[in-house]
Amino acid sequence: MASDEEKIFQNELEMAKKRDHKIMITDEAIEKVPLVRYKEIPESEYLMLRELAKEVLTVSKNDNHSNEVALTYSLDYRKLIAEGKVFMGVALGDEHSS
């Protein structure tokens, strides 16, 4: 069963879908990113994934005028960090990208 926080998030998401104009990302929205429980990913990764979601919103807000941002990362990120290798990629979109 969904928590109250998840229900509020879902309601806000549905409201956002109905808008016909761009919504600017706020610090409050970034702080409200919920902890998601993924079926295919170990529970030990949940907090890190929430932080990545917050980072996507932060990059969008601060570096891309609240436009779309895609972030990819390797599940082997710990090993790659230890080896000094790149483990994450970021792509910036614009308001009209599809």
PDB file of N, CA and C in Angstrom:
ATOM      1  N   MET A   1       0.848  -1.183   0.000  1.00  0.00           N
ATOM      2  CA  MET A   1       0.000   0.000   0.000  1.00  0.00           C
ATOM      3  C   MET A   1       0.888   1.239   0.000  1.00  0.00           C
ATOM      4  N   ALA A   2       0.501   2.238  -0.736  1.00  0.00           N
ATOM      5  CA  ALA A   2       1.280   3.462  -0.869  1.00  0.00           C
ATOM      6  C   ALA A   2       1.209   4.294   0.410  1.00  0.00           C
ATOM      7  N   SER A   3       2.347   4.883   0.763  1.00  0.00           N
ATOM      8  CA  SER A   3       2.395   5.752   1.938  1.00  0.00           C
ATOM      9  C   SER A   3       1.735   7.089   1.595  1.00  0.00           C
ATOM     10  N   ASP A   4       1.467   7.880   2.621  1.00  0.00           N
ATOM     11  CA  ASP A   4       0.885   9.209   2.399  1.00  0.00           C
ATOM     12  C   ASP A   4       1.795  10.060   1.518  1.00  0.00           C
ATOM     13  N   GLU A   5       3.114   9.951   1.747  1.00  0.00           N
ATOM     14  CA  GLU A   5       4.076  10.707   0.958  1.00  0.00           C
ATOM     15  C   GLU A   5       4.005  10.302  -0.519  1.00  0.00           C
ATOM     16  N   GLU A   6       3.901   9.007  -0.782  1.00  0.00           N
ATOM     17  CA  GLU A   6       3.802   8.534  -2.156  1.00  0.00           C
ATOM     18  C   GLU A   6       2.504   8.985  -2.814  1.00  0.00           C
ATOM     19  N   LYS A   7       1.406   9.000  -2.061  1.00  0.00           N
ATOM     20  CA  LYS A   7       0.116   9.455  -2.593  1.00  0.00           C
ATOM     21  C   LYS A   7       0.171  10.936  -2.952  1.00  0.00           C
ATOM     22  N   ILE A   8       0.800  11.729  -2.114  1.00  0.00           N
ATOM     23  CA  ILE A   8       0.938  13.161  -2.382  1.00  0.00           C
ATOM     24  C   ILE A   8       1.781  13.369  -3.638  1.00  0.00           C
ATOM     25  N   PHE A   9       2.893  12.623  -3.730  1.00  0.00           N
ATOM     26  CA  PHE A   9       3.767  12.724  -4.895  1.00  0.00           C
ATOM     27  C   PHE A   9       3.008  12.358  -6.168  1.00  0.00           C
ATOM     28  N   GLN A  10       2.237  11.273  -6.132  1.00  0.00           N
ATOM     29  CA  GLN A  10       1.469  10.846  -7.306  1.00  0.00           C
ATOM     30  C   GLN A  10       0.436  11.905  -7.703  1.00  0.00           C
ATOM     31  N   ASN A  11      -0.210  12.499  -6.709  1.00  0.00           N
ATOM     32  CA  ASN A  11      -1.191  13.551  -6.975  1.00  0.00           C
ATOM     33  C   ASN A  11      -0.525  14.758  -7.637  1.00  0.00           C
ATOM     34  N   GLU A  12       0.636  15.162  -7.120  1.00  0.00           N
ATOM     35  CA  GLU A  12       1.362  16.290  -7.696  1.00  0.00           C
ATOM     36  C   GLU A  12       1.820  15.971  -9.118  1.00  0.00           C
ATOM     37  N   LEU A  13       2.218  14.723  -9.346  1.00  0.00           N
ATOM     38  CA  LEU A  13       2.644  14.304 -10.673  1.00  0.00           C
ATOM     39  C   LEU A  13       1.484  14.375 -11.663  1.00  0.00           C
ATOM     40  N   GLU A  14       0.324  13.918 -11.257  1.00  0.00           N
ATOM     41  CA  GLU A  14      -0.858  13.987 -12.126  1.00  0.00           C
ATOM     42  C   GLU A  14      -1.233  15.425 -12.430  1.00  0.00           C
ATOM     43  N   MET A  15      -1.137  16.292 -11.433  1.00  0.00           N
ATOM     44  CA  MET A  15      -1.445  17.705 -11.649  1.00  0.00           C
ATOM     45  C   MET A  15      -0.449  18.311 -12.641  1.00  0.00           C
ATOM     46  N   ALA A  16       0.823  17.954 -12.517  1.00  0.00           N
ATOM     47  CA  ALA A  16       1.848  18.493 -13.412  1.00  0.00           C
ATOM     48  C   ALA A  16       1.606  18.071 -14.855  1.00  0.00           C
ATOM     49  N   LYS A  17       1.100  16.874 -15.069  1.00  0.00           N
ATOM     50  CA  LYS A  17       0.836  16.391 -16.422  1.00  0.00           C
ATOM     51  C   LYS A  17      -0.242  17.207 -17.117  1.00  0.00           C
ATOM     52  N   LYS A  18      -1.125  17.826 -16.372  1.00  0.00           N
ATOM     53  CA  LYS A  18      -2.251  18.575 -16.937  1.00  0.00           C
ATOM     54  C   LYS A  18      -1.881  20.011 -17.309  1.00  0.00           C
ATOM     55  N   ARG A  19      -0.726  20.456 -16.929  1.00  0.00           N
ATOM     56  CA  ARG A  19      -0.332  21.835 -17.202  1.00  0.00           C
ATOM     57  C   ARG A  19       0.135  21.976 -18.635  1.00  0.00           C
ATOM     58  N   ASP A  20      -0.118  23.142 -19.216  1.00  0.00           N
ATOM     59  CA  ASP A  20       0.287  23.382 -20.593  1.00  0.00           C
ATOM     60  C   ASP A  20       1.452  24.365 -20.684  1.00  0.00           C
ATOM     61  N   HIS A  21       2.135  24.571 -19.573  1.00  0.00           N
ATOM     62  CA  HIS A  21       3.291  25.455 -19.567  1.00  0.00           C
ATOM     63  C   HIS A  21       4.405  24.819 -18.724  1.00  0.00           C
ATOM     64  N   LYS A  22       5.585  25.304 -18.930  1.00  0.00           N
ATOM     65  CA  LYS A  22       6.758  24.778 -18.244  1.00  0.00           C
ATOM     66  C   LYS A  22       6.684  25.083 -16.751  1.00  0.00           C
ATOM     67  N   ILE A  23       7.032  24.102 -15.944  1.00  0.00           N
ATOM     68  CA  ILE A  23       7.076  24.254 -14.497  1.00  0.00           C
ATOM     69  C   ILE A  23       8.542  24.331 -14.068  1.00  0.00           C
ATOM     70  N   MET A  24       8.898  25.382 -13.383  1.00  0.00           N
ATOM     71  CA  MET A  24      10.272  25.540 -12.920  1.00  0.00           C
ATOM     72  C   MET A  24      10.500  24.664 -11.686  1.00  0.00           C
ATOM     73  N   ILE A  25      11.646  24.030 -11.642  1.00  0.00           N
ATOM     74  CA  ILE A  25      12.005  23.161 -10.523  1.00  0.00           C
ATOM     75  C   ILE A  25      12.417  24.027  -9.341  1.00  0.00           C
ATOM     76  N   THR A  26      11.951  23.657  -8.165  1.00  0.00           N
ATOM     77  CA  THR A  26      12.268  24.397  -6.943  1.00  0.00           C
ATOM     78  C   THR A  26      13.087  23.520  -5.996  1.00  0.00           C
ATOM     79  N   ASP A  27      13.756  24.166  -5.048  1.00  0.00           N
ATOM     80  CA  ASP A  27      14.486  23.417  -4.019  1.00  0.00           C
ATOM     81  C   ASP A  27      13.523  22.544  -3.222  1.00  0.00           C
ATOM     82  N   GLU A  28      12.315  23.035  -2.997  1.00  0.00           N
ATOM     83  CA  GLU A  28      11.313  22.265  -2.254  1.00  0.00           C
ATOM     84  C   GLU A  28      10.963  20.974  -3.002  1.00  0.00           C
ATOM     85  N   ALA A  29      10.806  21.061  -4.317  1.00  0.00           N
ATOM     86  CA  ALA A  29      10.499  19.869  -5.106  1.00  0.00           C
ATOM     87  C   ALA A  29      11.649  18.862  -5.037  1.00  0.00           C
ATOM     88  N   ILE A  30      12.855  19.357  -5.074  1.00  0.00           N
ATOM     89  CA  ILE A  30      14.024  18.470  -4.995  1.00  0.00           C
ATOM     90  C   ILE A  30      14.041  17.745  -3.657  1.00  0.00           C
ATOM     91  N   GLU A  31      13.760  18.463  -2.586  1.00  0.00           N
ATOM     92  CA  GLU A  31      13.757  17.850  -1.252  1.00  0.00           C
ATOM     93  C   GLU A  31      12.634  16.827  -1.073  1.00  0.00           C
ATOM     94  N   LYS A  32      11.567  16.937  -1.863  1.00  0.00           N
ATOM     95  CA  LYS A  32      10.423  16.032  -1.733  1.00  0.00           C
ATOM     96  C   LYS A  32      10.559  14.738  -2.541  1.00  0.00           C
ATOM     97  N   VAL A  33      11.690  14.529  -3.212  1.00  0.00           N
ATOM     98  CA  VAL A  33      11.852  13.308  -3.997  1.00  0.00           C
ATOM     99  C   VAL A  33      11.705  12.108  -3.052  1.00  0.00           C
ATOM    100  N   PRO A  34      10.755  11.216  -3.352  1.00  0.00           N
ATOM    101  CA  PRO A  34      10.504  10.092  -2.447  1.00  0.00           C
ATOM    102  C   PRO A  34      11.521   8.966  -2.630  1.00  0.00           C
ATOM    103  N   LEU A  35      11.605   8.114  -1.651  1.00  0.00           N
ATOM    104  CA  LEU A  35      12.409   6.902  -1.738  1.00  0.00           C
ATOM    105  C   LEU A  35      11.569   5.867  -2.475  1.00  0.00           C
ATOM    106  N   VAL A  36      12.084   5.376  -3.595  1.00  0.00           N
ATOM    107  CA  VAL A  36      11.357   4.395  -4.413  1.00  0.00           C
ATOM    108  C   VAL A  36      11.964   3.029  -4.179  1.00  0.00           C
ATOM    109  N   ARG A  37      11.102   2.031  -4.058  1.00  0.00           N
ATOM    110  CA  ARG A  37      11.548   0.651  -3.888  1.00  0.00           C
ATOM    111  C   ARG A  37      11.426  -0.061  -5.230  1.00  0.00           C
ATOM    112  N   TYR A  38      12.563  -0.393  -5.815  1.00  0.00           N
ATOM    113  CA  TYR A  38      12.614  -1.019  -7.130  1.00  0.00           C
ATOM    114  C   TYR A  38      12.677  -2.538  -6.996  1.00  0.00           C
ATOM    115  N   LYS A  39      11.964  -3.252  -7.854  1.00  0.00           N
ATOM    116  CA  LYS A  39      11.946  -4.711  -7.797  1.00  0.00           C
ATOM    117  C   LYS A  39      13.280  -5.332  -8.199  1.00  0.00           C
ATOM    118  N   GLU A  40      13.941  -4.771  -9.183  1.00  0.00           N
ATOM    119  CA  GLU A  40      15.134  -5.375  -9.778  1.00  0.00           C
ATOM    120  C   GLU A  40      16.454  -4.882  -9.175  1.00  0.00           C
ATOM    121  N   ILE A  41      16.378  -3.976  -8.231  1.00  0.00           N
ATOM    122  CA  ILE A  41      17.591  -3.369  -7.678  1.00  0.00           C
ATOM    123  C   ILE A  41      17.645  -3.643  -6.186  1.00  0.00           C
ATOM    124  N   PRO A  42      18.823  -4.000  -5.662  1.00  0.00           N
ATOM    125  CA  PRO A  42      18.941  -4.287  -4.223  1.00  0.00           C
ATOM    126  C   PRO A  42      18.544  -3.084  -3.364  1.00  0.00           C
ATOM    127  N   GLU A  43      17.938  -3.377  -2.232  1.00  0.00           N
ATOM    128  CA  GLU A  43      17.494  -2.324  -1.312  1.00  0.00           C
ATOM    129  C   GLU A  43      18.638  -1.419  -0.881  1.00  0.00           C
ATOM    130  N   SER A  44      19.853  -1.956  -0.847  1.00  0.00           N
ATOM    131  CA  SER A  44      21.017  -1.160  -0.445  1.00  0.00           C
ATOM    132  C   SER A  44      21.292   0.001  -1.410  1.00  0.00           C
ATOM    133  N   GLU A  45      20.690  -0.021  -2.594  1.00  0.00           N
ATOM    134  CA  GLU A  45      20.905   1.023  -3.597  1.00  0.00           C
ATOM    135  C   GLU A  45      19.837   2.118  -3.576  1.00  0.00           C
ATOM    136  N   TYR A  46      18.755   1.927  -2.842  1.00  0.00           N
ATOM    137  CA  TYR A  46      17.623   2.857  -2.876  1.00  0.00           C
ATOM    138  C   TYR A  46      18.006   4.292  -2.523  1.00  0.00           C
ATOM    139  N   LEU A  47      18.771   4.464  -1.459  1.00  0.00           N
ATOM    140  CA  LEU A  47      19.154   5.821  -1.046  1.00  0.00           C
ATOM    141  C   LEU A  47      20.015   6.502  -2.108  1.00  0.00           C
ATOM    142  N   MET A  48      20.929   5.739  -2.702  1.00  0.00           N
ATOM    143  CA  MET A  48      21.790   6.297  -3.735  1.00  0.00           C
ATOM    144  C   MET A  48      20.951   6.715  -4.945  1.00  0.00           C
ATOM    145  N   LEU A  49      19.959   5.910  -5.305  1.00  0.00           N
ATOM    146  CA  LEU A  49      19.107   6.248  -6.446  1.00  0.00           C
ATOM    147  C   LEU A  49      18.276   7.497  -6.171  1.00  0.00           C
ATOM    148  N   ARG A  50      17.822   7.656  -4.937  1.00  0.00           N
ATOM    149  CA  ARG A  50      17.092   8.886  -4.605  1.00  0.00           C
ATOM    150  C   ARG A  50      18.015  10.093  -4.724  1.00  0.00           C
ATOM    151  N   GLU A  51      19.253   9.949  -4.291  1.00  0.00           N
ATOM    152  CA  GLU A  51      20.201  11.057  -4.404  1.00  0.00           C
ATOM    153  C   GLU A  51      20.493  11.371  -5.871  1.00  0.00           C
ATOM    154  N   LEU A  52      20.554  10.349  -6.716  1.00  0.00           N
ATOM    155  CA  LEU A  52      20.747  10.586  -8.148  1.00  0.00           C
ATOM    156  C   LEU A  52      19.542  11.324  -8.735  1.00  0.00           C
ATOM    157  N   ALA A  53      18.337  10.944  -8.314  1.00  0.00           N
ATOM    158  CA  ALA A  53      17.136  11.635  -8.786  1.00  0.00           C
ATOM    159  C   ALA A  53      17.169  13.107  -8.368  1.00  0.00           C
ATOM    160  N   LYS A  54      17.598  13.361  -7.157  1.00  0.00           N
ATOM    161  CA  LYS A  54      17.724  14.750  -6.695  1.00  0.00           C
ATOM    162  C   LYS A  54      18.780  15.493  -7.511  1.00  0.00           C
ATOM    163  N   GLU A  55      19.865  14.785  -7.848  1.00  0.00           N
ATOM    164  CA  GLU A  55      20.932  15.403  -8.634  1.00  0.00           C
ATOM    165  C   GLU A  55      20.437  15.776 -10.028  1.00  0.00           C
ATOM    166  N   VAL A  56      19.620  14.908 -10.640  1.00  0.00           N
ATOM    167  CA  VAL A  56      19.046  15.213 -11.950  1.00  0.00           C
ATOM    168  C   VAL A  56      18.231  16.502 -11.879  1.00  0.00           C
ATOM    169  N   LEU A  57      17.394  16.617 -10.857  1.00  0.00           N
ATOM    170  CA  LEU A  57      16.583  17.824 -10.705  1.00  0.00           C
ATOM    171  C   LEU A  57      17.446  19.054 -10.430  1.00  0.00           C
ATOM    172  N   THR A  58      18.490  18.883  -9.640  1.00  0.00           N
ATOM    173  CA  THR A  58      19.390  19.996  -9.326  1.00  0.00           C
ATOM    174  C   THR A  58      20.110  20.483 -10.585  1.00  0.00           C
ATOM    175  N   VAL A  59      20.612  19.537 -11.381  1.00  0.00           N
ATOM    176  CA  VAL A  59      21.281  19.905 -12.636  1.00  0.00           C
ATOM    177  C   VAL A  59      20.289  20.612 -13.557  1.00  0.00           C
ATOM    178  N   SER A  60      19.078  20.079 -13.643  1.00  0.00           N
ATOM    179  CA  SER A  60      18.058  20.700 -14.485  1.00  0.00           C
ATOM    180  C   SER A  60      17.774  22.122 -14.024  1.00  0.00           C
ATOM    181  N   LYS A  61      17.571  22.295 -12.731  1.00  0.00           N
ATOM    182  CA  LYS A  61      17.247  23.613 -12.166  1.00  0.00           C
ATOM    183  C   LYS A  61      18.396  24.603 -12.352  1.00  0.00           C
ATOM    184  N   ASN A  62      19.602  24.183 -11.999  1.00  0.00           N
ATOM    185  CA  ASN A  62      20.730  25.112 -11.948  1.00  0.00           C
ATOM    186  C   ASN A  62      21.458  25.288 -13.279  1.00  0.00           C
ATOM    187  N   ASP A  63      21.479  24.237 -14.113  1.00  0.00           N
ATOM    188  CA  ASP A  63      22.311  24.270 -15.308  1.00  0.00           C
ATOM    189  C   ASP A  63      21.542  24.160 -16.623  1.00  0.00           C
ATOM    190  N   ASN A  64      20.218  23.914 -16.556  1.00  0.00           N
ATOM    191  CA  ASN A  64      19.495  23.685 -17.801  1.00  0.00           C
ATOM    192  C   ASN A  64      18.111  24.346 -17.803  1.00  0.00           C
ATOM    193  N   HIS A  65      17.943  25.427 -17.067  1.00  0.00           N
ATOM    194  CA  HIS A  65      16.701  26.212 -17.078  1.00  0.00           C
ATOM    195  C   HIS A  65      15.460  25.354 -16.825  1.00  0.00           C
ATOM    196  N   SER A  66      15.579  24.356 -15.948  1.00  0.00           N
ATOM    197  CA  SER A  66      14.488  23.433 -15.596  1.00  0.00           C
ATOM    198  C   SER A  66      14.011  22.593 -16.783  1.00  0.00           C
ATOM    199  N   ASN A  67      14.863  22.442 -17.781  1.00  0.00           N
ATOM    200  CA  ASN A  67      14.554  21.558 -18.899  1.00  0.00           C
ATOM    201  C   ASN A  67      14.997  20.136 -18.562  1.00  0.00           C
ATOM    202  N   GLU A  68      14.686  19.228 -19.471  1.00  0.00           N
ATOM    203  CA  GLU A  68      14.967  17.817 -19.217  1.00  0.00           C
ATOM    204  C   GLU A  68      16.454  17.526 -19.084  1.00  0.00           C
ATOM    205  N   VAL A  69      16.750  16.573 -18.199  1.00  0.00           N
ATOM    206  CA  VAL A  69      18.103  16.081 -17.996  1.00  0.00           C
ATOM    207  C   VAL A  69      18.013  14.568 -17.876  1.00  0.00           C
ATOM    208  N   ALA A  70      18.904  13.880 -18.561  1.00  0.00           N
ATOM    209  CA  ALA A  70      18.995  12.422 -18.430  1.00  0.00           C
ATOM    210  C   ALA A  70      20.320  12.092 -17.769  1.00  0.00           C
ATOM    211  N   LEU A  71      20.268  11.203 -16.817  1.00  0.00           N
ATOM    212  CA  LEU A  71      21.469  10.769 -16.121  1.00  0.00           C
ATOM    213  C   LEU A  71      21.534   9.256 -16.235  1.00  0.00           C
ATOM    214  N   THR A  72      22.669   8.735 -16.660  1.00  0.00           N
ATOM    215  CA  THR A  72      22.876   7.287 -16.705  1.00  0.00           C
ATOM    216  C   THR A  72      24.045   6.954 -15.786  1.00  0.00           C
ATOM    217  N   TYR A  73      23.999   5.750 -15.237  1.00  0.00           N
ATOM    218  CA  TYR A  73      25.105   5.336 -14.385  1.00  0.00           C
ATOM    219  C   TYR A  73      25.263   3.838 -14.481  1.00  0.00           C
ATOM    220  N   SER A  74      26.449   3.375 -14.122  1.00  0.00           N
ATOM    221  CA  SER A  74      26.742   1.950 -14.141  1.00  0.00           C
ATOM    222  C   SER A  74      26.427   1.347 -12.783  1.00  0.00           C
ATOM    223  N   LEU A  75      25.832   0.164 -12.782  1.00  0.00           N
ATOM    224  CA  LEU A  75      25.587  -0.537 -11.522  1.00  0.00           C
ATOM    225  C   LEU A  75      26.898  -0.932 -10.850  1.00  0.00           C
ATOM    226  N   ASP A  76      27.985  -0.934 -11.606  1.00  0.00           N
ATOM    227  CA  ASP A  76      29.317  -1.238 -11.053  1.00  0.00           C
ATOM    228  C   ASP A  76      30.042   0.036 -10.630  1.00  0.00           C
ATOM    229  N   TYR A  77      29.278   1.052 -10.228  1.00  0.00           N
ATOM    230  CA  TYR A  77      29.877   2.361  -9.955  1.00  0.00           C
ATOM    231  C   TYR A  77      30.949   2.312  -8.869  1.00  0.00           C
ATOM    232  N   ARG A  78      30.776   1.474  -7.851  1.00  0.00           N
ATOM    233  CA  ARG A  78      31.798   1.416  -6.782  1.00  0.00           C
ATOM    234  C   ARG A  78      33.145   0.974  -7.339  1.00  0.00           C
ATOM    235  N   LYS A  79      33.123  -0.057  -8.156  1.00  0.00           N
ATOM    236  CA  LYS A  79      34.348  -0.572  -8.776  1.00  0.00           C
ATOM    237  C   LYS A  79      34.955   0.482  -9.692  1.00  0.00           C
ATOM    238  N   LEU A  80      34.126   1.126 -10.502  1.00  0.00           N
ATOM    239  CA  LEU A  80      34.620   2.129 -11.436  1.00  0.00           C
ATOM    240  C   LEU A  80      35.217   3.333 -10.710  1.00  0.00           C
ATOM    241  N   ILE A  81      34.584   3.744  -9.621  1.00  0.00           N
ATOM    242  CA  ILE A  81      35.137   4.851  -8.822  1.00  0.00           C
ATOM    243  C   ILE A  81      36.508   4.456  -8.277  1.00  0.00           C
ATOM    244  N   ALA A  82      36.604   3.240  -7.750  1.00  0.00           N
ATOM    245  CA  ALA A  82      37.880   2.762  -7.194  1.00  0.00           C
ATOM    246  C   ALA A  82      38.974   2.746  -8.262  1.00  0.00           C
ATOM    247  N   GLU A  83      38.590   2.480  -9.509  1.00  0.00           N
ATOM    248  CA  GLU A  83      39.548   2.428 -10.611  1.00  0.00           C
ATOM    249  C   GLU A  83      39.765   3.795 -11.258  1.00  0.00           C
ATOM    250  N   GLY A  84      39.063   4.821 -10.763  1.00  0.00           N
ATOM    251  CA  GLY A  84      39.203   6.165 -11.316  1.00  0.00           C
ATOM    252  C   GLY A  84      38.554   6.323 -12.677  1.00  0.00           C
ATOM    253  N   LYS A  85      37.561   5.489 -12.971  1.00  0.00           N
ATOM    254  CA  LYS A  85      36.890   5.520 -14.271  1.00  0.00           C
ATOM    255  C   LYS A  85      35.561   6.258 -14.179  1.00  0.00           C
ATOM    256  N   VAL A  86      35.062   6.655 -15.327  1.00  0.00           N
ATOM    257  CA  VAL A  86      33.769   7.336 -15.420  1.00  0.00           C
ATOM    258  C   VAL A  86      32.664   6.314 -15.189  1.00  0.00           C
ATOM    259  N   PHE A  87      31.690   6.664 -14.356  1.00  0.00           N
ATOM    260  CA  PHE A  87      30.589   5.748 -14.069  1.00  0.00           C
ATOM    261  C   PHE A  87      29.228   6.380 -14.338  1.00  0.00           C
ATOM    262  N   MET A  88      29.229   7.650 -14.751  1.00  0.00           N
ATOM    263  CA  MET A  88      27.971   8.366 -14.929  1.00  0.00           C
ATOM    264  C   MET A  88      28.046   9.238 -16.181  1.00  0.00           C
ATOM    265  N   GLY A  89      26.894   9.376 -16.838  1.00  0.00           N
ATOM    266  CA  GLY A  89      26.789  10.261 -17.978  1.00  0.00           C
ATOM    267  C   GLY A  89      25.594  11.183 -17.807  1.00  0.00           C
ATOM    268  N   VAL A  90      25.685  12.398 -18.334  1.00  0.00           N
ATOM    269  CA  VAL A  90      24.606  13.375 -18.220  1.00  0.00           C
ATOM    270  C   VAL A  90      24.342  13.962 -19.607  1.00  0.00           C
ATOM    271  N   ALA A  91      23.055  14.050 -19.949  1.00  0.00           N
ATOM    272  CA  ALA A  91      22.657  14.681 -21.209  1.00  0.00           C
ATOM    273  C   ALA A  91      21.610  15.741 -20.899  1.00  0.00           C
ATOM    274  N   LEU A  92      21.794  16.927 -21.453  1.00  0.00           N
ATOM    275  CA  LEU A  92      20.858  18.031 -21.237  1.00  0.00           C
ATOM    276  C   LEU A  92      19.952  18.171 -22.449  1.00  0.00           C
ATOM    277  N   GLY A  93      18.655  18.279 -22.190  1.00  0.00           N
ATOM    278  CA  GLY A  93      17.684  18.497 -23.248  1.00  0.00           C
ATOM    279  C   GLY A  93      17.233  19.938 -23.258  1.00  0.00           C
ATOM    280  N   ASP A  94      16.240  20.208 -24.088  1.00  0.00           N
ATOM    281  CA  ASP A  94      15.659  21.546 -24.071  1.00  0.00           C
ATOM    282  C   ASP A  94      14.145  21.426 -23.930  1.00  0.00           C
ATOM    283  N   GLU A  95      13.493  22.517 -23.863  1.00  0.00           N
ATOM    284  CA  GLU A  95      12.053  22.528 -23.581  1.00  0.00           C
ATOM    285  C   GLU A  95      11.248  21.777 -24.632  1.00  0.00           C
ATOM    286  N   HIS A  96      11.767  21.680 -25.847  1.00  0.00           N
ATOM    287  CA  HIS A  96      10.989  21.094 -26.936  1.00  0.00           C
ATOM    288  C   HIS A  96      11.565  19.783 -27.448  1.00  0.00           C
ATOM    289  N   SER A  97      12.505  19.182 -26.734  1.00  0.00           N
ATOM    290  CA  SER A  97      13.061  17.898 -27.150  1.00  0.00           C
ATOM    291  C   SER A  97      12.032  16.801 -26.996  1.00  0.00           C
ATOM    292  N   SER A  98      12.135  15.807 -27.826  1.00  0.00           N
ATOM    293  CA  SER A  98      11.247  14.652 -27.677  1.00  0.00           C
ATOM    294  C   SER A  98      12.036  13.375 -27.753  1.00  0.00           C
TER     295      SER A  98
END
